[in-house]
N, C-alpha and C. Protein backbone atom coordinates (compact mmCIF):
# COMPACT_ATOMS: atom_id res chain seq x y z
N MET A 1 31.85 52.73 13.84
CA MET A 1 31.50 51.33 13.67
C MET A 1 32.28 50.52 14.70
N SER A 2 31.59 49.69 15.44
CA SER A 2 32.30 48.86 16.41
C SER A 2 32.94 47.67 15.71
N ASP A 3 33.79 46.97 16.45
CA ASP A 3 34.53 45.84 15.89
C ASP A 3 33.61 44.83 15.20
N ASN A 4 32.54 44.46 15.87
CA ASN A 4 31.67 43.41 15.35
C ASN A 4 30.86 43.88 14.15
N ASP A 5 30.57 45.16 14.02
CA ASP A 5 29.79 45.65 12.90
C ASP A 5 30.48 45.37 11.57
N LEU A 6 31.75 45.67 11.45
CA LEU A 6 32.47 45.41 10.21
C LEU A 6 32.53 43.92 9.93
N HIS A 7 32.85 43.15 10.95
CA HIS A 7 32.93 41.69 10.79
C HIS A 7 31.58 41.15 10.31
N GLU A 8 30.51 41.63 10.90
CA GLU A 8 29.16 41.18 10.51
C GLU A 8 28.82 41.64 9.09
N GLU A 9 29.23 42.86 8.72
CA GLU A 9 29.00 43.37 7.36
C GLU A 9 29.73 42.52 6.33
N GLN A 10 30.93 42.07 6.67
CA GLN A 10 31.76 41.34 5.72
C GLN A 10 31.38 39.87 5.59
N LYS A 11 30.76 39.29 6.61
CA LYS A 11 30.43 37.86 6.59
C LYS A 11 29.64 37.45 5.35
N PRO A 12 28.49 38.08 5.07
CA PRO A 12 27.73 37.65 3.89
C PRO A 12 28.47 37.94 2.59
N LEU A 13 29.25 38.99 2.56
CA LEU A 13 30.03 39.30 1.36
C LEU A 13 31.06 38.20 1.11
N LYS A 14 31.76 37.80 2.16
CA LYS A 14 32.77 36.74 2.01
C LYS A 14 32.12 35.43 1.57
N ARG A 15 30.96 35.10 2.15
CA ARG A 15 30.26 33.87 1.74
C ARG A 15 29.89 33.94 0.27
N GLU A 16 29.37 35.08 -0.15
CA GLU A 16 28.98 35.25 -1.56
C GLU A 16 30.20 35.11 -2.47
N TYR A 17 31.31 35.71 -2.11
CA TYR A 17 32.50 35.66 -2.95
C TYR A 17 33.10 34.25 -3.01
N GLU A 18 32.94 33.49 -1.92
CA GLU A 18 33.42 32.10 -1.91
C GLU A 18 32.58 31.22 -2.82
N THR A 19 31.27 31.40 -2.80
CA THR A 19 30.39 30.56 -3.60
C THR A 19 30.19 31.08 -5.01
N ASN A 20 30.38 32.38 -5.21
CA ASN A 20 30.17 33.00 -6.51
C ASN A 20 31.32 33.96 -6.79
N PRO A 21 32.48 33.45 -7.22
CA PRO A 21 33.65 34.30 -7.44
C PRO A 21 33.40 35.46 -8.41
N GLU A 22 32.49 35.28 -9.35
CA GLU A 22 32.19 36.36 -10.30
C GLU A 22 31.63 37.60 -9.60
N ALA A 23 30.95 37.39 -8.48
CA ALA A 23 30.38 38.52 -7.73
C ALA A 23 31.46 39.41 -7.14
N ALA A 24 32.67 38.89 -6.99
CA ALA A 24 33.77 39.66 -6.41
C ALA A 24 34.52 40.47 -7.46
N GLN A 25 34.21 40.24 -8.72
CA GLN A 25 34.93 40.94 -9.80
C GLN A 25 34.27 42.29 -10.07
N LEU A 26 35.05 43.34 -10.11
CA LEU A 26 34.50 44.65 -10.44
C LEU A 26 35.54 45.47 -11.17
N THR A 27 35.08 46.48 -11.84
CA THR A 27 35.95 47.41 -12.53
C THR A 27 35.68 48.80 -11.97
N LEU A 28 36.71 49.44 -11.48
CA LEU A 28 36.60 50.83 -11.03
C LEU A 28 37.07 51.72 -12.17
N THR A 29 36.46 52.87 -12.30
CA THR A 29 36.78 53.77 -13.40
C THR A 29 36.94 55.19 -12.87
N ALA A 30 37.92 55.88 -13.39
CA ALA A 30 38.09 57.31 -13.12
C ALA A 30 38.27 58.00 -14.47
N THR A 31 37.64 59.15 -14.62
CA THR A 31 37.71 59.89 -15.87
C THR A 31 38.25 61.29 -15.59
N GLY A 32 39.28 61.67 -16.32
CA GLY A 32 39.82 63.02 -16.21
C GLY A 32 39.38 63.85 -17.40
N GLU A 33 38.83 65.03 -17.14
CA GLU A 33 38.40 65.93 -18.20
C GLU A 33 38.94 67.33 -17.93
N GLU A 34 39.40 67.95 -18.99
CA GLU A 34 39.99 69.29 -18.91
C GLU A 34 38.99 70.31 -18.40
N GLN A 35 39.49 71.20 -17.57
CA GLN A 35 38.70 72.36 -17.14
C GLN A 35 39.01 73.50 -18.11
N ASP A 36 38.48 74.69 -17.82
CA ASP A 36 38.78 75.85 -18.65
C ASP A 36 40.27 76.13 -18.68
N ASP A 37 40.94 75.90 -17.56
CA ASP A 37 42.39 76.07 -17.47
C ASP A 37 43.03 74.73 -17.82
N ALA A 38 43.85 74.70 -18.85
CA ALA A 38 44.46 73.45 -19.31
C ALA A 38 45.43 72.87 -18.28
N ARG A 39 45.70 73.59 -17.20
CA ARG A 39 46.61 73.09 -16.16
C ARG A 39 45.86 72.40 -15.03
N ALA A 40 44.54 72.20 -15.20
CA ALA A 40 43.72 71.56 -14.17
C ALA A 40 42.70 70.65 -14.85
N CYS A 41 42.26 69.65 -14.12
CA CYS A 41 41.22 68.77 -14.65
C CYS A 41 40.31 68.30 -13.53
N ASN A 42 39.14 67.84 -13.92
CA ASN A 42 38.22 67.19 -13.00
C ASN A 42 38.41 65.69 -13.13
N VAL A 43 38.47 65.01 -12.01
CA VAL A 43 38.58 63.56 -12.00
C VAL A 43 37.28 63.03 -11.42
N ASP A 44 36.52 62.36 -12.25
CA ASP A 44 35.21 61.83 -11.87
C ASP A 44 35.35 60.34 -11.60
N ILE A 45 35.05 59.91 -10.37
CA ILE A 45 35.13 58.49 -10.04
C ILE A 45 33.74 57.86 -9.97
N GLY A 46 32.74 58.59 -10.41
CA GLY A 46 31.38 58.06 -10.41
C GLY A 46 30.61 58.35 -9.15
N ARG A 47 31.28 58.54 -8.05
CA ARG A 47 30.63 58.84 -6.77
C ARG A 47 31.03 60.21 -6.25
N ALA A 48 32.06 60.77 -6.83
CA ALA A 48 32.56 62.08 -6.42
C ALA A 48 33.44 62.62 -7.54
N ILE A 49 33.62 63.92 -7.54
CA ILE A 49 34.50 64.57 -8.51
C ILE A 49 35.58 65.31 -7.74
N TYR A 50 36.82 65.05 -8.11
CA TYR A 50 37.97 65.69 -7.48
C TYR A 50 38.65 66.57 -8.51
N GLU A 51 39.30 67.60 -8.03
CA GLU A 51 40.06 68.48 -8.93
C GLU A 51 41.53 68.14 -8.80
N ALA A 52 42.19 68.09 -9.93
CA ALA A 52 43.64 67.88 -9.95
C ALA A 52 44.25 68.96 -10.83
N GLU A 53 45.50 69.26 -10.57
CA GLU A 53 46.18 70.27 -11.39
C GLU A 53 47.65 69.93 -11.48
N LEU A 54 48.30 70.53 -12.44
CA LEU A 54 49.74 70.37 -12.54
C LEU A 54 50.39 70.89 -11.26
N HIS A 55 51.44 70.22 -10.84
CA HIS A 55 52.22 70.69 -9.69
C HIS A 55 52.87 72.02 -10.06
N GLU A 56 53.05 72.87 -9.08
CA GLU A 56 53.65 74.18 -9.36
C GLU A 56 55.05 74.04 -9.94
N GLY A 57 55.74 72.95 -9.62
CA GLY A 57 57.06 72.70 -10.18
C GLY A 57 57.02 72.31 -11.65
N ALA A 58 55.80 72.09 -12.18
CA ALA A 58 55.62 71.78 -13.59
C ALA A 58 54.77 72.85 -14.28
N GLY A 59 54.66 74.02 -13.63
CA GLY A 59 53.93 75.12 -14.23
C GLY A 59 52.49 75.27 -13.78
N GLY A 60 52.06 74.45 -12.83
CA GLY A 60 50.70 74.55 -12.32
C GLY A 60 50.59 75.63 -11.26
N PRO A 61 49.36 75.94 -10.86
CA PRO A 61 49.15 77.02 -9.90
C PRO A 61 49.59 76.69 -8.47
N GLY A 62 49.67 75.40 -8.12
CA GLY A 62 50.11 75.05 -6.77
C GLY A 62 49.07 75.24 -5.70
N THR A 63 47.81 75.32 -6.09
CA THR A 63 46.75 75.54 -5.11
C THR A 63 45.94 74.29 -4.82
N GLY A 64 46.13 73.24 -5.60
CA GLY A 64 45.36 72.01 -5.41
C GLY A 64 46.25 70.79 -5.51
N ALA A 65 45.62 69.65 -5.47
CA ALA A 65 46.35 68.39 -5.52
C ALA A 65 46.85 68.12 -6.94
N CYS A 66 48.10 67.67 -7.02
CA CYS A 66 48.62 67.21 -8.30
C CYS A 66 48.42 65.70 -8.36
N SER A 67 48.68 65.12 -9.50
CA SER A 67 48.49 63.67 -9.68
C SER A 67 49.31 62.87 -8.68
N GLY A 68 50.52 63.31 -8.39
CA GLY A 68 51.35 62.62 -7.40
C GLY A 68 50.73 62.66 -6.02
N ASP A 69 50.14 63.81 -5.66
CA ASP A 69 49.43 63.91 -4.38
C ASP A 69 48.29 62.91 -4.32
N LEU A 70 47.55 62.78 -5.43
CA LEU A 70 46.42 61.87 -5.46
C LEU A 70 46.88 60.42 -5.33
N LEU A 71 48.00 60.07 -5.97
CA LEU A 71 48.54 58.72 -5.84
C LEU A 71 48.96 58.45 -4.40
N LEU A 72 49.68 59.38 -3.79
CA LEU A 72 50.08 59.22 -2.39
C LEU A 72 48.87 59.18 -1.47
N GLY A 73 47.88 60.01 -1.78
CA GLY A 73 46.64 60.01 -0.99
C GLY A 73 45.92 58.68 -1.08
N ALA A 74 45.90 58.09 -2.27
CA ALA A 74 45.27 56.77 -2.43
C ALA A 74 46.02 55.72 -1.62
N LEU A 75 47.35 55.78 -1.63
CA LEU A 75 48.14 54.83 -0.86
C LEU A 75 47.90 55.01 0.64
N ALA A 76 47.89 56.25 1.10
CA ALA A 76 47.67 56.51 2.53
C ALA A 76 46.27 56.09 2.94
N ALA A 77 45.27 56.45 2.14
CA ALA A 77 43.89 56.10 2.49
C ALA A 77 43.67 54.60 2.50
N CYS A 78 44.14 53.93 1.47
CA CYS A 78 43.95 52.48 1.39
C CYS A 78 44.67 51.78 2.54
N SER A 79 45.87 52.20 2.84
CA SER A 79 46.64 51.58 3.92
C SER A 79 45.97 51.81 5.27
N GLN A 80 45.50 53.02 5.52
CA GLN A 80 44.85 53.32 6.80
C GLN A 80 43.55 52.55 6.93
N LEU A 81 42.73 52.55 5.88
CA LEU A 81 41.44 51.85 5.94
C LEU A 81 41.63 50.34 6.08
N THR A 82 42.61 49.81 5.36
CA THR A 82 42.89 48.37 5.46
C THR A 82 43.40 48.02 6.85
N ALA A 83 44.31 48.82 7.39
CA ALA A 83 44.83 48.56 8.74
C ALA A 83 43.71 48.62 9.76
N GLN A 84 42.82 49.59 9.60
CA GLN A 84 41.70 49.71 10.54
C GLN A 84 40.77 48.51 10.42
N ALA A 85 40.50 48.06 9.20
CA ALA A 85 39.65 46.89 9.00
C ALA A 85 40.29 45.64 9.60
N VAL A 86 41.60 45.49 9.40
CA VAL A 86 42.30 44.35 9.98
C VAL A 86 42.22 44.42 11.51
N ALA A 87 42.45 45.60 12.06
CA ALA A 87 42.37 45.77 13.51
C ALA A 87 40.97 45.41 14.02
N GLU A 88 39.95 45.84 13.30
CA GLU A 88 38.58 45.51 13.71
C GLU A 88 38.33 44.01 13.65
N ASN A 89 38.87 43.35 12.63
CA ASN A 89 38.70 41.91 12.52
C ASN A 89 39.48 41.15 13.59
N PHE A 90 40.50 41.78 14.16
CA PHE A 90 41.23 41.19 15.30
C PHE A 90 40.61 41.63 16.63
N ASP A 91 39.49 42.33 16.56
CA ASP A 91 38.79 42.84 17.74
C ASP A 91 39.64 43.79 18.57
N ILE A 92 40.48 44.58 17.89
CA ILE A 92 41.28 45.60 18.59
C ILE A 92 41.02 46.99 18.01
N GLY A 93 40.02 47.10 17.12
CA GLY A 93 39.74 48.37 16.45
C GLY A 93 39.48 49.52 17.39
N ASP A 94 38.79 49.24 18.50
CA ASP A 94 38.50 50.30 19.46
C ASP A 94 39.68 50.60 20.38
N ASP A 95 40.70 49.73 20.34
CA ASP A 95 41.84 49.86 21.23
C ASP A 95 43.04 50.56 20.60
N VAL A 96 42.96 50.82 19.29
CA VAL A 96 44.10 51.42 18.60
C VAL A 96 43.65 52.62 17.76
N ASP A 97 44.58 53.53 17.58
CA ASP A 97 44.41 54.63 16.65
C ASP A 97 45.50 54.47 15.60
N ILE A 98 45.10 54.48 14.33
CA ILE A 98 46.04 54.24 13.24
C ILE A 98 46.08 55.45 12.33
N SER A 99 47.29 55.91 12.04
CA SER A 99 47.45 56.98 11.06
C SER A 99 48.55 56.57 10.09
N VAL A 100 48.44 57.07 8.88
CA VAL A 100 49.38 56.69 7.82
C VAL A 100 49.83 57.94 7.08
N GLU A 101 51.12 58.00 6.81
CA GLU A 101 51.67 59.06 5.97
C GLU A 101 52.41 58.40 4.81
N ALA A 102 52.05 58.80 3.59
CA ALA A 102 52.73 58.31 2.40
C ALA A 102 53.51 59.47 1.81
N SER A 103 54.75 59.22 1.42
CA SER A 103 55.57 60.26 0.80
C SER A 103 56.38 59.63 -0.33
N GLY A 104 56.82 60.45 -1.23
CA GLY A 104 57.59 59.94 -2.35
C GLY A 104 58.48 61.00 -2.94
N ASP A 105 59.54 60.55 -3.61
CA ASP A 105 60.53 61.45 -4.18
C ASP A 105 60.41 61.48 -5.71
N LEU A 106 60.36 62.69 -6.24
CA LEU A 106 60.27 62.92 -7.67
C LEU A 106 61.44 63.78 -8.13
N ASP A 107 61.84 63.60 -9.37
CA ASP A 107 62.80 64.49 -10.01
C ASP A 107 62.06 65.14 -11.18
N LEU A 108 61.67 66.38 -11.01
CA LEU A 108 60.85 67.04 -12.02
C LEU A 108 61.57 67.24 -13.36
N ARG A 109 62.88 67.04 -13.38
CA ARG A 109 63.58 67.15 -14.67
C ARG A 109 63.08 66.09 -15.65
N GLY A 110 62.67 64.93 -15.13
CA GLY A 110 62.17 63.87 -16.00
C GLY A 110 60.84 64.23 -16.63
N THR A 111 59.87 64.61 -15.80
CA THR A 111 58.54 64.92 -16.32
C THR A 111 58.52 66.21 -17.14
N MET A 112 59.49 67.09 -16.92
CA MET A 112 59.56 68.33 -17.69
C MET A 112 60.41 68.18 -18.95
N GLY A 113 61.00 67.01 -19.16
CA GLY A 113 61.80 66.79 -20.37
C GLY A 113 63.12 67.53 -20.37
N VAL A 114 63.61 67.91 -19.20
CA VAL A 114 64.86 68.66 -19.09
C VAL A 114 66.07 67.75 -19.21
N ASP A 115 65.92 66.53 -18.68
CA ASP A 115 67.02 65.57 -18.68
C ASP A 115 66.44 64.21 -19.04
N GLU A 116 66.81 63.70 -20.21
CA GLU A 116 66.25 62.43 -20.67
C GLU A 116 66.65 61.25 -19.78
N ASP A 117 67.72 61.40 -19.02
CA ASP A 117 68.14 60.33 -18.13
C ASP A 117 67.45 60.38 -16.77
N ALA A 118 66.77 61.47 -16.49
CA ALA A 118 66.05 61.60 -15.21
C ALA A 118 64.75 60.80 -15.31
N PRO A 119 64.44 60.02 -14.28
CA PRO A 119 63.22 59.21 -14.33
C PRO A 119 61.96 60.08 -14.30
N VAL A 120 60.91 59.58 -14.93
CA VAL A 120 59.59 60.19 -14.84
C VAL A 120 58.81 59.35 -13.85
N GLY A 121 58.32 59.96 -12.83
CA GLY A 121 57.57 59.23 -11.80
C GLY A 121 58.35 59.16 -10.51
N PHE A 122 57.70 58.57 -9.53
CA PHE A 122 58.32 58.45 -8.22
C PHE A 122 59.51 57.49 -8.28
N GLU A 123 60.59 57.91 -7.65
CA GLU A 123 61.77 57.04 -7.54
C GLU A 123 61.68 56.19 -6.28
N ASP A 124 61.22 56.77 -5.21
CA ASP A 124 61.10 56.07 -3.93
C ASP A 124 59.78 56.46 -3.29
N LEU A 125 59.12 55.49 -2.69
CA LEU A 125 57.91 55.73 -1.91
C LEU A 125 58.15 55.27 -0.49
N ARG A 126 57.57 55.98 0.47
CA ARG A 126 57.67 55.61 1.87
C ARG A 126 56.27 55.61 2.46
N LEU A 127 56.03 54.63 3.28
CA LEU A 127 54.75 54.52 3.96
C LEU A 127 55.04 54.40 5.45
N ASP A 128 54.64 55.40 6.21
CA ASP A 128 54.86 55.41 7.65
C ASP A 128 53.52 55.20 8.34
N VAL A 129 53.38 54.06 8.99
CA VAL A 129 52.15 53.71 9.69
C VAL A 129 52.40 53.82 11.19
N THR A 130 51.56 54.58 11.85
CA THR A 130 51.66 54.75 13.30
C THR A 130 50.44 54.13 13.95
N VAL A 131 50.69 53.23 14.88
CA VAL A 131 49.61 52.57 15.60
C VAL A 131 49.78 52.92 17.08
N GLU A 132 48.80 53.61 17.62
CA GLU A 132 48.80 53.97 19.04
C GLU A 132 47.86 53.02 19.76
N GLY A 133 48.35 52.40 20.80
CA GLY A 133 47.53 51.48 21.58
C GLY A 133 48.37 50.35 22.11
N ASP A 134 47.88 49.73 23.14
CA ASP A 134 48.62 48.65 23.80
C ASP A 134 48.21 47.31 23.21
N ILE A 135 49.04 46.81 22.28
CA ILE A 135 48.77 45.51 21.67
C ILE A 135 50.06 44.69 21.70
N GLY A 136 49.91 43.39 21.72
CA GLY A 136 51.05 42.49 21.82
C GLY A 136 51.86 42.41 20.54
N GLU A 137 53.06 41.86 20.66
CA GLU A 137 53.97 41.76 19.53
C GLU A 137 53.40 40.91 18.39
N GLU A 138 52.75 39.80 18.73
CA GLU A 138 52.16 38.95 17.69
C GLU A 138 51.07 39.70 16.94
N THR A 139 50.28 40.46 17.65
CA THR A 139 49.21 41.23 17.02
C THR A 139 49.79 42.33 16.14
N LYS A 140 50.86 42.97 16.61
CA LYS A 140 51.53 43.99 15.79
C LYS A 140 52.01 43.39 14.48
N ALA A 141 52.66 42.22 14.56
CA ALA A 141 53.18 41.56 13.36
C ALA A 141 52.04 41.17 12.42
N ALA A 142 50.95 40.66 12.97
CA ALA A 142 49.81 40.26 12.15
C ALA A 142 49.14 41.47 11.51
N LEU A 143 49.03 42.56 12.27
CA LEU A 143 48.44 43.78 11.74
C LEU A 143 49.22 44.27 10.53
N ARG A 144 50.54 44.27 10.65
CA ARG A 144 51.39 44.70 9.53
C ARG A 144 51.25 43.73 8.35
N LYS A 145 51.38 42.45 8.64
CA LYS A 145 51.33 41.44 7.58
C LYS A 145 50.04 41.53 6.78
N TYR A 146 48.91 41.56 7.46
CA TYR A 146 47.63 41.52 6.76
C TYR A 146 47.25 42.86 6.14
N THR A 147 47.71 43.95 6.73
CA THR A 147 47.48 45.25 6.11
C THR A 147 48.21 45.32 4.78
N GLU A 148 49.48 44.96 4.78
CA GLU A 148 50.25 44.99 3.54
C GLU A 148 49.71 43.98 2.54
N ARG A 149 49.25 42.85 3.00
CA ARG A 149 48.74 41.80 2.11
C ARG A 149 47.43 42.19 1.44
N TYR A 150 46.55 42.88 2.16
CA TYR A 150 45.21 43.14 1.64
C TYR A 150 44.96 44.58 1.19
N CYS A 151 45.96 45.44 1.27
CA CYS A 151 45.79 46.82 0.80
C CYS A 151 45.93 46.84 -0.73
N VAL A 152 44.85 47.18 -1.41
CA VAL A 152 44.80 47.15 -2.87
C VAL A 152 45.86 48.06 -3.49
N VAL A 153 45.97 49.28 -3.02
CA VAL A 153 46.92 50.23 -3.63
C VAL A 153 48.35 49.79 -3.34
N TYR A 154 48.64 49.38 -2.13
CA TYR A 154 49.98 48.90 -1.78
C TYR A 154 50.37 47.74 -2.68
N GLN A 155 49.49 46.75 -2.80
CA GLN A 155 49.79 45.59 -3.62
C GLN A 155 49.94 45.95 -5.10
N THR A 156 49.15 46.91 -5.57
CA THR A 156 49.26 47.35 -6.96
C THR A 156 50.61 47.99 -7.23
N LEU A 157 51.09 48.78 -6.28
CA LEU A 157 52.41 49.41 -6.44
C LEU A 157 53.53 48.40 -6.28
N GLU A 158 53.37 47.45 -5.37
CA GLU A 158 54.39 46.42 -5.15
C GLU A 158 54.48 45.44 -6.33
N ASN A 159 53.34 45.15 -6.93
CA ASN A 159 53.25 44.18 -8.03
C ASN A 159 52.47 44.82 -9.17
N PRO A 160 53.10 45.74 -9.90
CA PRO A 160 52.35 46.52 -10.88
C PRO A 160 51.75 45.65 -12.00
N PRO A 161 50.49 45.94 -12.34
CA PRO A 161 49.85 45.23 -13.43
C PRO A 161 50.31 45.81 -14.77
N ASP A 162 50.02 45.11 -15.84
CA ASP A 162 50.26 45.68 -17.16
C ASP A 162 49.27 46.82 -17.36
N VAL A 163 49.71 47.86 -18.04
CA VAL A 163 48.84 48.98 -18.35
C VAL A 163 48.60 48.97 -19.86
N GLU A 164 47.36 48.85 -20.23
CA GLU A 164 46.97 48.85 -21.64
C GLU A 164 46.47 50.25 -21.98
N THR A 165 46.98 50.84 -23.03
CA THR A 165 46.60 52.20 -23.40
C THR A 165 45.93 52.19 -24.77
N GLU A 166 44.84 52.91 -24.86
CA GLU A 166 44.14 53.07 -26.13
C GLU A 166 43.92 54.56 -26.35
N TRP A 167 44.27 55.06 -27.51
CA TRP A 167 44.08 56.45 -27.85
C TRP A 167 43.02 56.54 -28.93
N THR A 168 42.13 57.51 -28.80
CA THR A 168 41.11 57.77 -29.81
C THR A 168 41.22 59.25 -30.18
N PHE A 169 41.38 59.51 -31.46
CA PHE A 169 41.47 60.90 -31.92
C PHE A 169 40.21 61.24 -32.71
N GLY A 170 39.55 62.30 -32.26
CA GLY A 170 38.34 62.75 -32.96
C GLY A 170 38.68 63.81 -33.98
N GLU A 171 37.74 64.08 -34.80
CA GLU A 171 37.90 65.11 -35.85
C GLU A 171 37.58 66.47 -35.30
């Protein structure tokens, strides 16, 4: 997609969202269902199905993505796509190559219940964005600012929403 294609695709969407804010509201859903092996599940996002499994450090087979991998993958994908979209909107999309690596530190003692004082979940996350191409300092600063500002996953992790949980037990 060339620079102008994305900009042109987004124009009518932005106009619609400005005049009809309800049109911009959506709910994304993912459903996890157990496979035959209780250490793996299918994650259905409505457009694709992904397989997830327990990390080998938690007794899983270690052959597929664990939930932490999927979270980091979502952060990397969202950051890369957002950075590329921002670059295209600055008309530099064809002039730069952007790659993103997301990493995070876990202490499996927490999730395994070995140490009640050990945290469950990522303690630290790192996002390394590499931009190859000849762009000015102001453009570099704007690319970073707007990528971080408009990346859904980044903003969700930076400003976590409340999580509402509902359990249903069948007979």
